[in-house]
């Protein structure tokens, strides 16, 4: 199970740091905030799951299930935010705008060199 925690931590880092990448800074503010929320929820869930796995039998079963359920809620929040972005379609519109701006920049540099 440790590999799944590492993967979820990496997913959290990717989504959490996406608004800090150059081209993604031009996205609408609410999309960048949604990326940070999804990234933090995956990151906190992964850290919590790793800590719960590390604690193992040292905690009582009732506390173990309570923490485990909270970890599942954190992962659910991350998945829900990502699905909200995908289903709304606004993320794809923003990505198309970023790609169009990149192509305009490439075409602008190509015509200057002629």
PDB file of N, CA and C in Angstrom:
ATOM      1  N   UNK A   1       0.815  -1.206   0.000  1.00  0.00           N
ATOM      2  CA  UNK A   1       0.000   0.000   0.000  1.00  0.00           C
ATOM      3  C   UNK A   1       0.857   1.268   0.000  1.00  0.00           C
ATOM      4  N   UNK A   2       2.117   1.146   0.292  1.00  0.00           N
ATOM      5  CA  UNK A   2       2.948   2.346   0.365  1.00  0.00           C
ATOM      6  C   UNK A   2       3.092   3.031  -0.994  1.00  0.00           C
ATOM      7  N   UNK A   3       3.082   2.254  -2.091  1.00  0.00           N
ATOM      8  CA  UNK A   3       3.192   2.853  -3.419  1.00  0.00           C
ATOM      9  C   UNK A   3       1.988   3.727  -3.744  1.00  0.00           C
ATOM     10  N   UNK A   4       0.826   3.320  -3.293  1.00  0.00           N
ATOM     11  CA  UNK A   4      -0.355   4.150  -3.557  1.00  0.00           C
ATOM     12  C   UNK A   4      -0.256   5.478  -2.831  1.00  0.00           C
ATOM     13  N   UNK A   5       0.301   5.480  -1.630  1.00  0.00           N
ATOM     14  CA  UNK A   5       0.466   6.738  -0.903  1.00  0.00           C
ATOM     15  C   UNK A   5       1.468   7.647  -1.605  1.00  0.00           C
ATOM     16  N   UNK A   6       2.533   7.045  -2.119  1.00  0.00           N
ATOM     17  CA  UNK A   6       3.535   7.838  -2.837  1.00  0.00           C
ATOM     18  C   UNK A   6       2.926   8.425  -4.105  1.00  0.00           C
ATOM     19  N   UNK A   7       2.134   7.634  -4.818  1.00  0.00           N
ATOM     20  CA  UNK A   7       1.480   8.129  -6.033  1.00  0.00           C
ATOM     21  C   UNK A   7       0.516   9.261  -5.698  1.00  0.00           C
ATOM     22  N   UNK A   8      -0.268   9.085  -4.635  1.00  0.00           N
ATOM     23  CA  UNK A   8      -1.216  10.138  -4.258  1.00  0.00           C
ATOM     24  C   UNK A   8      -0.498  11.395  -3.784  1.00  0.00           C
ATOM     25  N   UNK A   9       0.623  11.251  -3.117  1.00  0.00           N
ATOM     26  CA  UNK A   9       1.410  12.420  -2.731  1.00  0.00           C
ATOM     27  C   UNK A   9       1.939  13.149  -3.964  1.00  0.00           C
ATOM     28  N   UNK A  10       2.384  12.392  -4.966  1.00  0.00           N
ATOM     29  CA  UNK A  10       2.863  13.007  -6.209  1.00  0.00           C
ATOM     30  C   UNK A  10       1.733  13.715  -6.952  1.00  0.00           C
ATOM     31  N   UNK A  11       0.557  13.087  -6.988  1.00  0.00           N
ATOM     32  CA  UNK A  11      -0.606  13.733  -7.617  1.00  0.00           C
ATOM     33  C   UNK A  11      -0.933  15.031  -6.887  1.00  0.00           C
ATOM     34  N   UNK A  12      -0.867  15.006  -5.568  1.00  0.00           N
ATOM     35  CA  UNK A  12      -1.111  16.211  -4.789  1.00  0.00           C
ATOM     36  C   UNK A  12      -0.098  17.300  -5.089  1.00  0.00           C
ATOM     37  N   UNK A  13       1.160  16.922  -5.235  1.00  0.00           N
ATOM     38  CA  UNK A  13       2.178  17.916  -5.566  1.00  0.00           C
ATOM     39  C   UNK A  13       1.985  18.487  -6.959  1.00  0.00           C
ATOM     40  N   UNK A  14       1.590  17.644  -7.901  1.00  0.00           N
ATOM     41  CA  UNK A  14       1.380  18.118  -9.276  1.00  0.00           C
ATOM     42  C   UNK A  14       0.209  19.105  -9.332  1.00  0.00           C
ATOM     43  N   UNK A  15      -0.919  18.726  -8.750  1.00  0.00           N
ATOM     44  CA  UNK A  15      -2.075  19.627  -8.782  1.00  0.00           C
ATOM     45  C   UNK A  15      -1.847  20.867  -7.925  1.00  0.00           C
ATOM     46  N   UNK A  16      -1.171  20.713  -6.810  1.00  0.00           N
ATOM     47  CA  UNK A  16      -0.925  21.859  -5.939  1.00  0.00           C
ATOM     48  C   UNK A  16       0.042  22.868  -6.525  1.00  0.00           C
ATOM     49  N   UNK A  17       1.000  22.382  -7.318  1.00  0.00           N
ATOM     50  CA  UNK A  17       1.986  23.295  -7.884  1.00  0.00           C
ATOM     51  C   UNK A  17       1.616  23.760  -9.295  1.00  0.00           C
ATOM     52  N   UNK A  18       0.556  23.249  -9.872  1.00  0.00           N
ATOM     53  CA  UNK A  18       0.163  23.640 -11.237  1.00  0.00           C
ATOM     54  C   UNK A  18      -0.068  25.145 -11.380  1.00  0.00           C
ATOM     55  N   UNK A  19      -0.691  25.823 -10.417  1.00  0.00           N
ATOM     56  CA  UNK A  19      -0.882  27.270 -10.606  1.00  0.00           C
ATOM     57  C   UNK A  19       0.412  28.073 -10.566  1.00  0.00           C
ATOM     58  N   UNK A  20       1.500  27.462 -10.150  1.00  0.00           N
ATOM     59  CA  UNK A  20       2.771  28.168 -10.084  1.00  0.00           C
ATOM     60  C   UNK A  20       3.578  28.057 -11.374  1.00  0.00           C
ATOM     61  N   UNK A  21       3.128  27.216 -12.305  1.00  0.00           N
ATOM     62  CA  UNK A  21       3.813  27.031 -13.577  1.00  0.00           C
ATOM     63  C   UNK A  21       3.430  28.172 -14.508  1.00  0.00           C
ATOM     64  N   UNK A  22       4.373  28.641 -15.277  1.00  0.00           N
ATOM     65  CA  UNK A  22       4.236  29.849 -16.087  1.00  0.00           C
ATOM     66  C   UNK A  22       2.956  30.006 -16.873  1.00  0.00           C
ATOM     67  N   UNK A  23       2.644  29.071 -17.762  1.00  0.00           N
ATOM     68  CA  UNK A  23       1.465  29.219 -18.614  1.00  0.00           C
ATOM     69  C   UNK A  23       0.158  29.075 -17.833  1.00  0.00           C
ATOM     70  N   UNK A  24       0.168  28.299 -16.763  1.00  0.00           N
ATOM     71  CA  UNK A  24      -1.057  28.104 -15.991  1.00  0.00           C
ATOM     72  C   UNK A  24      -1.415  29.324 -15.151  1.00  0.00           C
ATOM     73  N   UNK A  25      -0.495  30.272 -15.034  1.00  0.00           N
ATOM     74  CA  UNK A  25      -0.800  31.497 -14.281  1.00  0.00           C
ATOM     75  C   UNK A  25      -1.833  32.360 -14.983  1.00  0.00           C
ATOM     76  N   UNK A  26      -2.022  32.140 -16.283  1.00  0.00           N
ATOM     77  CA  UNK A  26      -2.988  32.945 -17.026  1.00  0.00           C
ATOM     78  C   UNK A  26      -4.412  32.394 -16.913  1.00  0.00           C
ATOM     79  N   UNK A  27      -4.569  31.247 -16.254  1.00  0.00           N
ATOM     80  CA  UNK A  27      -5.917  30.688 -16.064  1.00  0.00           C
ATOM     81  C   UNK A  27      -6.715  31.574 -15.112  1.00  0.00           C
ATOM     82  N   UNK A  28      -8.026  31.461 -15.175  1.00  0.00           N
ATOM     83  CA  UNK A  28      -8.841  32.223 -14.220  1.00  0.00           C
ATOM     84  C   UNK A  28      -8.479  31.851 -12.775  1.00  0.00           C
ATOM     85  N   UNK A  29      -8.679  32.804 -11.917  1.00  0.00           N
ATOM     86  CA  UNK A  29      -8.258  32.635 -10.518  1.00  0.00           C
ATOM     87  C   UNK A  29      -8.954  31.461  -9.836  1.00  0.00           C
ATOM     88  N   UNK A  30     -10.234  31.261 -10.108  1.00  0.00           N
ATOM     89  CA  UNK A  30     -10.962  30.201  -9.414  1.00  0.00           C
ATOM     90  C   UNK A  30     -10.471  28.819  -9.834  1.00  0.00           C
ATOM     91  N   UNK A  31      -9.973  28.682 -11.072  1.00  0.00           N
ATOM     92  CA  UNK A  31      -9.413  27.400 -11.505  1.00  0.00           C
ATOM     93  C   UNK A  31      -8.095  27.145 -10.789  1.00  0.00           C
ATOM     94  N   UNK A  32      -7.273  28.183 -10.640  1.00  0.00           N
ATOM     95  CA  UNK A  32      -6.013  28.011  -9.924  1.00  0.00           C
ATOM     96  C   UNK A  32      -6.257  27.663  -8.461  1.00  0.00           C
ATOM     97  N   UNK A  33      -7.255  28.278  -7.849  1.00  0.00           N
ATOM     98  CA  UNK A  33      -7.587  27.966  -6.455  1.00  0.00           C
ATOM     99  C   UNK A  33      -8.106  26.538  -6.340  1.00  0.00           C
ATOM    100  N   UNK A  34      -8.895  26.101  -7.331  1.00  0.00           N
ATOM    101  CA  UNK A  34      -9.390  24.719  -7.321  1.00  0.00           C
ATOM    102  C   UNK A  34      -8.241  23.729  -7.437  1.00  0.00           C
ATOM    103  N   UNK A  35      -7.238  24.042  -8.254  1.00  0.00           N
ATOM    104  CA  UNK A  35      -6.064  23.171  -8.343  1.00  0.00           C
ATOM    105  C   UNK A  35      -5.344  23.074  -7.001  1.00  0.00           C
ATOM    106  N   UNK A  36      -5.210  24.201  -6.323  1.00  0.00           N
ATOM    107  CA  UNK A  36      -4.534  24.200  -5.019  1.00  0.00           C
ATOM    108  C   UNK A  36      -5.340  23.392  -4.004  1.00  0.00           C
ATOM    109  N   UNK A  37      -6.653  23.551  -4.001  1.00  0.00           N
ATOM    110  CA  UNK A  37      -7.496  22.797  -3.065  1.00  0.00           C
ATOM    111  C   UNK A  37      -7.384  21.298  -3.344  1.00  0.00           C
ATOM    112  N   UNK A  38      -7.452  20.903  -4.614  1.00  0.00           N
ATOM    113  CA  UNK A  38      -7.334  19.480  -4.953  1.00  0.00           C
ATOM    114  C   UNK A  38      -5.952  18.951  -4.577  1.00  0.00           C
ATOM    115  N   UNK A  39      -4.924  19.722  -4.861  1.00  0.00           N
ATOM    116  CA  UNK A  39      -3.574  19.298  -4.517  1.00  0.00           C
ATOM    117  C   UNK A  39      -3.365  19.151  -3.024  1.00  0.00           C
ATOM    118  N   UNK A  40      -3.873  20.106  -2.255  1.00  0.00           N
ATOM    119  CA  UNK A  40      -3.722  20.023  -0.802  1.00  0.00           C
ATOM    120  C   UNK A  40      -4.518  18.870  -0.211  1.00  0.00           C
ATOM    121  N   UNK A  41      -5.685  18.599  -0.779  1.00  0.00           N
ATOM    122  CA  UNK A  41      -6.467  17.485  -0.234  1.00  0.00           C
ATOM    123  C   UNK A  41      -5.787  16.150  -0.532  1.00  0.00           C
ATOM    124  N   UNK A  42      -5.241  15.988  -1.733  1.00  0.00           N
ATOM    125  CA  UNK A  42      -4.502  14.761  -2.033  1.00  0.00           C
ATOM    126  C   UNK A  42      -3.238  14.658  -1.179  1.00  0.00           C
ATOM    127  N   UNK A  43      -2.568  15.784  -1.006  1.00  0.00           N
ATOM    128  CA  UNK A  43      -1.346  15.785  -0.208  1.00  0.00           C
ATOM    129  C   UNK A  43      -1.631  15.435   1.249  1.00  0.00           C
ATOM    130  N   UNK A  44      -2.635  16.075   1.828  1.00  0.00           N
ATOM    131  CA  UNK A  44      -2.993  15.777   3.222  1.00  0.00           C
ATOM    132  C   UNK A  44      -3.515  14.350   3.366  1.00  0.00           C
ATOM    133  N   UNK A  45      -4.281  13.900   2.406  1.00  0.00           N
ATOM    134  CA  UNK A  45      -4.773  12.529   2.455  1.00  0.00           C
ATOM    135  C   UNK A  45      -3.649  11.512   2.354  1.00  0.00           C
ATOM    136  N   UNK A  46      -2.684  11.770   1.484  1.00  0.00           N
ATOM    137  CA  UNK A  46      -1.550  10.870   1.349  1.00  0.00           C
ATOM    138  C   UNK A  46      -0.678  10.840   2.587  1.00  0.00           C
ATOM    139  N   UNK A  47      -0.440  12.006   3.178  1.00  0.00           N
ATOM    140  CA  UNK A  47       0.339  12.059   4.418  1.00  0.00           C
ATOM    141  C   UNK A  47      -0.407  11.366   5.542  1.00  0.00           C
ATOM    142  N   UNK A  48      -1.712  11.604   5.627  1.00  0.00           N
ATOM    143  CA  UNK A  48      -2.511  10.947   6.665  1.00  0.00           C
ATOM    144  C   UNK A  48      -2.553   9.440   6.500  1.00  0.00           C
ATOM    145  N   UNK A  49      -2.673   8.978   5.259  1.00  0.00           N
ATOM    146  CA  UNK A  49      -2.703   7.538   5.003  1.00  0.00           C
ATOM    147  C   UNK A  49      -1.356   6.898   5.329  1.00  0.00           C
ATOM    148  N   UNK A  50      -0.275   7.575   4.981  1.00  0.00           N
ATOM    149  CA  UNK A  50       1.046   7.045   5.314  1.00  0.00           C
ATOM    150  C   UNK A  50       1.253   7.015   6.821  1.00  0.00           C
ATOM    151  N   UNK A  51       0.807   8.054   7.516  1.00  0.00           N
ATOM    152  CA  UNK A  51       0.930   8.081   8.974  1.00  0.00           C
ATOM    153  C   UNK A  51       0.072   6.995   9.615  1.00  0.00           C
ATOM    154  N   UNK A  52      -1.119   6.781   9.079  1.00  0.00           N
ATOM    155  CA  UNK A  52      -1.983   5.733   9.620  1.00  0.00           C
ATOM    156  C   UNK A  52      -1.393   4.351   9.364  1.00  0.00           C
ATOM    157  N   UNK A  53      -0.795   4.168   8.207  1.00  0.00           N
ATOM    158  CA  UNK A  53      -0.136   2.895   7.919  1.00  0.00           C
ATOM    159  C   UNK A  53       1.077   2.693   8.823  1.00  0.00           C
ATOM    160  N   UNK A  54       1.794   3.763   9.086  1.00  0.00           N
ATOM    161  CA  UNK A  54       2.957   3.688   9.962  1.00  0.00           C
ATOM    162  C   UNK A  54       2.543   3.392  11.402  1.00  0.00           C
ATOM    163  N   UNK A  55       1.435   3.991  11.845  1.00  0.00           N
ATOM    164  CA  UNK A  55       0.966   3.780  13.222  1.00  0.00           C
ATOM    165  C   UNK A  55       0.486   2.350  13.409  1.00  0.00           C
ATOM    166  N   UNK A  56      -0.158   1.806  12.393  1.00  0.00           N
ATOM    167  CA  UNK A  56      -0.564   0.403  12.405  1.00  0.00           C
ATOM    168  C   UNK A  56      -1.416   0.022  13.592  1.00  0.00           C
ATOM    169  N   UNK A  57      -0.932  -0.941  14.353  1.00  0.00           N
ATOM    170  CA  UNK A  57      -1.694  -1.496  15.474  1.00  0.00           C
ATOM    171  C   UNK A  57      -1.539  -0.684  16.759  1.00  0.00           C
ATOM    172  N   UNK A  58      -0.830   0.407  16.719  1.00  0.00           N
ATOM    173  CA  UNK A  58      -0.631   1.206  17.935  1.00  0.00           C
ATOM    174  C   UNK A  58      -1.839   2.048  18.303  1.00  0.00           C
ATOM    175  N   UNK A  59      -2.787   2.177  17.393  1.00  0.00           N
ATOM    176  CA  UNK A  59      -4.010   2.928  17.698  1.00  0.00           C
ATOM    177  C   UNK A  59      -5.167   1.941  17.812  1.00  0.00           C
ATOM    178  N   UNK A  60      -6.167   2.337  18.557  1.00  0.00           N
ATOM    179  CA  UNK A  60      -7.321   1.453  18.737  1.00  0.00           C
ATOM    180  C   UNK A  60      -8.112   1.344  17.430  1.00  0.00           C
ATOM    181  N   UNK A  61      -8.869   0.271  17.267  1.00  0.00           N
ATOM    182  CA  UNK A  61      -9.631   0.107  16.015  1.00  0.00           C
ATOM    183  C   UNK A  61     -10.621   1.229  15.759  1.00  0.00           C
ATOM    184  N   UNK A  62     -11.246   1.755  16.803  1.00  0.00           N
ATOM    185  CA  UNK A  62     -12.219   2.834  16.580  1.00  0.00           C
ATOM    186  C   UNK A  62     -11.515   4.109  16.105  1.00  0.00           C
ATOM    187  N   UNK A  63     -10.355   4.424  16.668  1.00  0.00           N
ATOM    188  CA  UNK A  63      -9.604   5.598  16.222  1.00  0.00           C
ATOM    189  C   UNK A  63      -9.068   5.366  14.809  1.00  0.00           C
ATOM    190  N   UNK A  64      -8.638   4.154  14.541  1.00  0.00           N
ATOM    191  CA  UNK A  64      -8.137   3.815  13.214  1.00  0.00           C
ATOM    192  C   UNK A  64      -9.214   4.048  12.151  1.00  0.00           C
ATOM    193  N   UNK A  65     -10.429   3.569  12.391  1.00  0.00           N
ATOM    194  CA  UNK A  65     -11.508   3.760  11.424  1.00  0.00           C
ATOM    195  C   UNK A  65     -11.912   5.217  11.301  1.00  0.00           C
ATOM    196  N   UNK A  66     -11.872   5.963  12.403  1.00  0.00           N
ATOM    197  CA  UNK A  66     -12.204   7.387  12.361  1.00  0.00           C
ATOM    198  C   UNK A  66     -11.205   8.136  11.476  1.00  0.00           C
ATOM    199  N   UNK A  67      -9.923   7.872  11.672  1.00  0.00           N
ATOM    200  CA  UNK A  67      -8.901   8.538  10.866  1.00  0.00           C
ATOM    201  C   UNK A  67      -8.994   8.089   9.415  1.00  0.00           C
ATOM    202  N   UNK A  68      -9.231   6.798   9.197  1.00  0.00           N
ATOM    203  CA  UNK A  68      -9.342   6.262   7.844  1.00  0.00           C
ATOM    204  C   UNK A  68     -10.516   6.903   7.091  1.00  0.00           C
ATOM    205  N   UNK A  69     -11.630   7.068   7.754  1.00  0.00           N
ATOM    206  CA  UNK A  69     -12.784   7.707   7.116  1.00  0.00           C
ATOM    207  C   UNK A  69     -12.498   9.162   6.779  1.00  0.00           C
ATOM    208  N   UNK A  70     -11.773   9.861   7.633  1.00  0.00           N
ATOM    209  CA  UNK A  70     -11.407  11.241   7.332  1.00  0.00           C
ATOM    210  C   UNK A  70     -10.445  11.320   6.150  1.00  0.00           C
ATOM    211  N   UNK A  71      -9.557  10.343   6.049  1.00  0.00           N
ATOM    212  CA  UNK A  71      -8.647  10.299   4.906  1.00  0.00           C
ATOM    213  C   UNK A  71      -9.438  10.085   3.614  1.00  0.00           C
ATOM    214  N   UNK A  72     -10.429   9.203   3.660  1.00  0.00           N
ATOM    215  CA  UNK A  72     -11.263   8.984   2.476  1.00  0.00           C
ATOM    216  C   UNK A  72     -12.031  10.247   2.092  1.00  0.00           C
ATOM    217  N   UNK A  73     -12.464  11.001   3.073  1.00  0.00           N
ATOM    218  CA  UNK A  73     -13.150  12.269   2.785  1.00  0.00           C
ATOM    219  C   UNK A  73     -12.195  13.241   2.105  1.00  0.00           C
ATOM    220  N   UNK A  74     -10.945  13.296   2.572  1.00  0.00           N
ATOM    221  CA  UNK A  74      -9.965  14.195   1.940  1.00  0.00           C
ATOM    222  C   UNK A  74      -9.728  13.810   0.484  1.00  0.00           C
ATOM    223  N   UNK A  75      -9.574  12.514   0.227  1.00  0.00           N
ATOM    224  CA  UNK A  75      -9.401  12.073  -1.163  1.00  0.00           C
ATOM    225  C   UNK A  75     -10.655  12.364  -1.978  1.00  0.00           C
ATOM    226  N   UNK A  76     -11.817  12.205  -1.379  1.00  0.00           N
ATOM    227  CA  UNK A  76     -13.072  12.499  -2.064  1.00  0.00           C
ATOM    228  C   UNK A  76     -13.201  13.961  -2.430  1.00  0.00           C
ATOM    229  N   UNK A  77     -12.723  14.833  -1.567  1.00  0.00           N
ATOM    230  CA  UNK A  77     -12.743  16.268  -1.875  1.00  0.00           C
ATOM    231  C   UNK A  77     -11.874  16.551  -3.088  1.00  0.00           C
ATOM    232  N   UNK A  78     -10.683  15.969  -3.116  1.00  0.00           N
ATOM    233  CA  UNK A  78      -9.784  16.175  -4.258  1.00  0.00           C
ATOM    234  C   UNK A  78     -10.373  15.664  -5.550  1.00  0.00           C
ATOM    235  N   UNK A  79     -10.923  14.463  -5.524  1.00  0.00           N
ATOM    236  CA  UNK A  79     -11.533  13.895  -6.726  1.00  0.00           C
ATOM    237  C   UNK A  79     -12.746  14.720  -7.149  1.00  0.00           C
ATOM    238  N   UNK A  80     -13.534  15.172  -6.183  1.00  0.00           N
ATOM    239  CA  UNK A  80     -14.716  15.973  -6.494  1.00  0.00           C
ATOM    240  C   UNK A  80     -14.371  17.297  -7.148  1.00  0.00           C
ATOM    241  N   UNK A  81     -13.332  17.949  -6.670  1.00  0.00           N
ATOM    242  CA  UNK A  81     -12.928  19.226  -7.256  1.00  0.00           C
ATOM    243  C   UNK A  81     -12.419  19.011  -8.682  1.00  0.00           C
ATOM    244  N   UNK A  82     -11.641  17.957  -8.884  1.00  0.00           N
ATOM    245  CA  UNK A  82     -11.134  17.676 -10.233  1.00  0.00           C
ATOM    246  C   UNK A  82     -12.287  17.335 -11.174  1.00  0.00           C
ATOM    247  N   UNK A  83     -13.233  16.534 -10.713  1.00  0.00           N
ATOM    248  CA  UNK A  83     -14.390  16.210 -11.552  1.00  0.00           C
ATOM    249  C   UNK A  83     -15.232  17.445 -11.841  1.00  0.00           C
ATOM    250  N   UNK A  84     -15.369  18.327 -10.868  1.00  0.00           N
ATOM    251  CA  UNK A  84     -16.106  19.570 -11.090  1.00  0.00           C
ATOM    252  C   UNK A  84     -15.454  20.393 -12.185  1.00  0.00           C
ATOM    253  N   UNK A  85     -14.133  20.487 -12.164  1.00  0.00           N
ATOM    254  CA  UNK A  85     -13.432  21.227 -13.212  1.00  0.00           C
ATOM    255  C   UNK A  85     -13.610  20.566 -14.572  1.00  0.00           C
ATOM    256  N   UNK A  86     -13.537  19.242 -14.599  1.00  0.00           N
ATOM    257  CA  UNK A  86     -13.640  18.535 -15.872  1.00  0.00           C
ATOM    258  C   UNK A  86     -15.051  18.596 -16.439  1.00  0.00           C
ATOM    259  N   UNK A  87     -16.047  18.413 -15.595  1.00  0.00           N
ATOM    260  CA  UNK A  87     -17.431  18.388 -16.069  1.00  0.00           C
ATOM    261  C   UNK A  87     -17.910  19.776 -16.476  1.00  0.00           C
ATOM    262  N   UNK A  88     -17.452  20.806 -15.784  1.00  0.00           N
ATOM    263  CA  UNK A  88     -17.897  22.154 -16.126  1.00  0.00           C
ATOM    264  C   UNK A  88     -17.399  22.585 -17.500  1.00  0.00           C
ATOM    265  N   UNK A  89     -16.265  22.049 -17.930  1.00  0.00           N
ATOM    266  CA  UNK A  89     -15.735  22.402 -19.234  1.00  0.00           C
ATOM    267  C   UNK A  89     -14.911  23.668 -19.256  1.00  0.00           C
ATOM    268  N   UNK A  90     -14.922  24.419 -18.178  1.00  0.00           N
ATOM    269  CA  UNK A  90     -14.171  25.671 -18.144  1.00  0.00           C
ATOM    270  C   UNK A  90     -12.662  25.434 -18.197  1.00  0.00           C
ATOM    271  N   UNK A  91     -12.215  24.318 -17.646  1.00  0.00           N
ATOM    272  CA  UNK A  91     -10.778  24.027 -17.664  1.00  0.00           C
ATOM    273  C   UNK A  91     -10.308  23.791 -19.088  1.00  0.00           C
ATOM    274  N   UNK A  92     -11.122  23.123 -19.895  1.00  0.00           N
ATOM    275  CA  UNK A  92     -10.736  22.866 -21.282  1.00  0.00           C
ATOM    276  C   UNK A  92     -10.754  24.155 -22.097  1.00  0.00           C
ATOM    277  N   UNK A  93     -11.680  25.042 -21.793  1.00  0.00           N
ATOM    278  CA  UNK A  93     -11.721  26.339 -22.464  1.00  0.00           C
ATOM    279  C   UNK A  93     -10.465  27.137 -22.126  1.00  0.00           C
ATOM    280  N   UNK A  94     -10.077  27.122 -20.855  1.00  0.00           N
ATOM    281  CA  UNK A  94      -8.873  27.843 -20.438  1.00  0.00           C
ATOM    282  C   UNK A  94      -7.624  27.241 -21.067  1.00  0.00           C
ATOM    283  N   UNK A  95      -7.572  25.915 -21.163  1.00  0.00           N
ATOM    284  CA  UNK A  95      -6.418  25.270 -21.790  1.00  0.00           C
ATOM    285  C   UNK A  95      -6.349  25.572 -23.282  1.00  0.00           C
ATOM    286  N   UNK A  96      -7.516  25.658 -23.948  1.00  0.00           N
ATOM    287  CA  UNK A  96      -7.526  26.042 -25.369  1.00  0.00           C
ATOM    288  C   UNK A  96      -7.009  27.462 -25.541  1.00  0.00           C
ATOM    289  N   UNK A  97      -7.406  28.365 -24.650  1.00  0.00           N
ATOM    290  CA  UNK A  97      -6.930  29.743 -24.726  1.00  0.00           C
ATOM    291  C   UNK A  97      -5.418  29.821 -24.531  1.00  0.00           C
ATOM    292  N   UNK A  98      -4.897  29.033 -23.601  1.00  0.00           N
ATOM    293  CA  UNK A  98      -3.453  29.012 -23.370  1.00  0.00           C
ATOM    294  C   UNK A  98      -2.733  28.475 -24.604  1.00  0.00           C
ATOM    295  N   UNK A  99      -3.270  27.422 -25.202  1.00  0.00           N
ATOM    296  CA  UNK A  99      -2.651  26.840 -26.390  1.00  0.00           C
ATOM    297  C   UNK A  99      -2.701  27.805 -27.568  1.00  0.00           C
ATOM    298  N   UNK A 100      -3.823  28.515 -27.724  1.00  0.00           N
ATOM    299  CA  UNK A 100      -3.936  29.494 -28.809  1.00  0.00           C
ATOM    300  C   UNK A 100      -2.930  30.628 -28.622  1.00  0.00           C
ATOM    301  N   UNK A 101      -2.749  31.071 -27.385  1.00  0.00           N
ATOM    302  CA  UNK A 101      -1.767  32.124 -27.122  1.00  0.00           C
ATOM    303  C   UNK A 101      -0.350  31.636 -27.416  1.00  0.00           C
ATOM    304  N   UNK A 102      -0.082  30.375 -27.096  1.00  0.00           N
ATOM    305  CA  UNK A 102       1.239  29.808 -27.375  1.00  0.00           C
ATOM    306  C   UNK A 102       1.477  29.733 -28.879  1.00  0.00           C
ATOM    307  N   UNK A 103       0.469  29.328 -29.648  1.00  0.00           N
ATOM    308  CA  UNK A 103       0.613  29.253 -31.104  1.00  0.00           C
ATOM    309  C   UNK A 103       0.778  30.634 -31.725  1.00  0.00           C
ATOM    310  N   UNK A 104       0.073  31.618 -31.183  1.00  0.00           N
ATOM    311  CA  UNK A 104       0.257  32.983 -31.682  1.00  0.00           C
ATOM    312  C   UNK A 104       1.686  33.452 -31.427  1.00  0.00           C
ATOM    313  N   UNK A 105       2.234  33.093 -30.279  1.00  0.00           N
ATOM    314  CA  UNK A 105       3.615  33.459 -29.977  1.00  0.00           C
ATOM    315  C   UNK A 105       4.609  32.772 -30.881  1.00  0.00           C
ATOM    316  N   UNK A 106       4.355  31.502 -31.195  1.00  0.00           N
ATOM    317  CA  UNK A 106       5.251  30.757 -32.095  1.00  0.00           C
ATOM    318  C   UNK A 106       5.183  31.338 -33.498  1.00  0.00           C
ATOM    319  N   UNK A 107       3.971  31.654 -33.976  1.00  0.00           N
ATOM    320  CA  UNK A 107       3.822  32.232 -35.310  1.00  0.00           C
ATOM    321  C   UNK A 107       4.452  33.619 -35.372  1.00  0.00           C
ATOM    322  N   UNK A 108       4.348  34.363 -34.287  1.00  0.00           N
ATOM    323  CA  UNK A 108       4.951  35.699 -34.254  1.00  0.00           C
ATOM    324  C   UNK A 108       6.463  35.630 -34.338  1.00  0.00           C
ATOM    325  N   UNK A 109       7.053  34.667 -33.666  1.00  0.00           N
ATOM    326  CA  UNK A 109       8.512  34.516 -33.737  1.00  0.00           C
ATOM    327  C   UNK A 109       8.945  34.008 -35.112  1.00  0.00           C
ATOM    328  N   UNK A 110       8.134  33.178 -35.759  1.00  0.00           N
ATOM    329  CA  UNK A 110       8.493  32.635 -37.062  1.00  0.00           C
ATOM    330  C   UNK A 110       8.477  33.727 -38.126  1.00  0.00           C
ATOM    331  N   UNK A 111       7.541  34.658 -38.057  1.00  0.00           N
ATOM    332  CA  UNK A 111       7.473  35.713 -39.077  1.00  0.00           C
ATOM    333  C   UNK A 111       8.526  36.766 -38.855  1.00  0.00           C
ATOM    334  N   UNK A 112       9.018  36.935 -37.632  1.00  0.00           N
ATOM    335  CA  UNK A 112      10.063  37.931 -37.383  1.00  0.00           C
ATOM    336  C   UNK A 112      11.393  37.479 -37.949  1.00  0.00           C
ATOM    337  N   UNK A 113      11.640  36.182 -38.027  1.00  0.00           N
ATOM    338  CA  UNK A 113      12.919  35.674 -38.489  1.00  0.00           C
ATOM    339  C   UNK A 113      13.041  35.643 -40.007  1.00  0.00           C
ATOM    340  N   UNK A 114      11.952  35.903 -40.712  1.00  0.00           N
ATOM    341  CA  UNK A 114      11.980  35.839 -42.170  1.00  0.00           C
ATOM    342  C   UNK A 114      12.530  37.107 -42.753  1.00  0.00           C
TER     343      UNK A 114
END
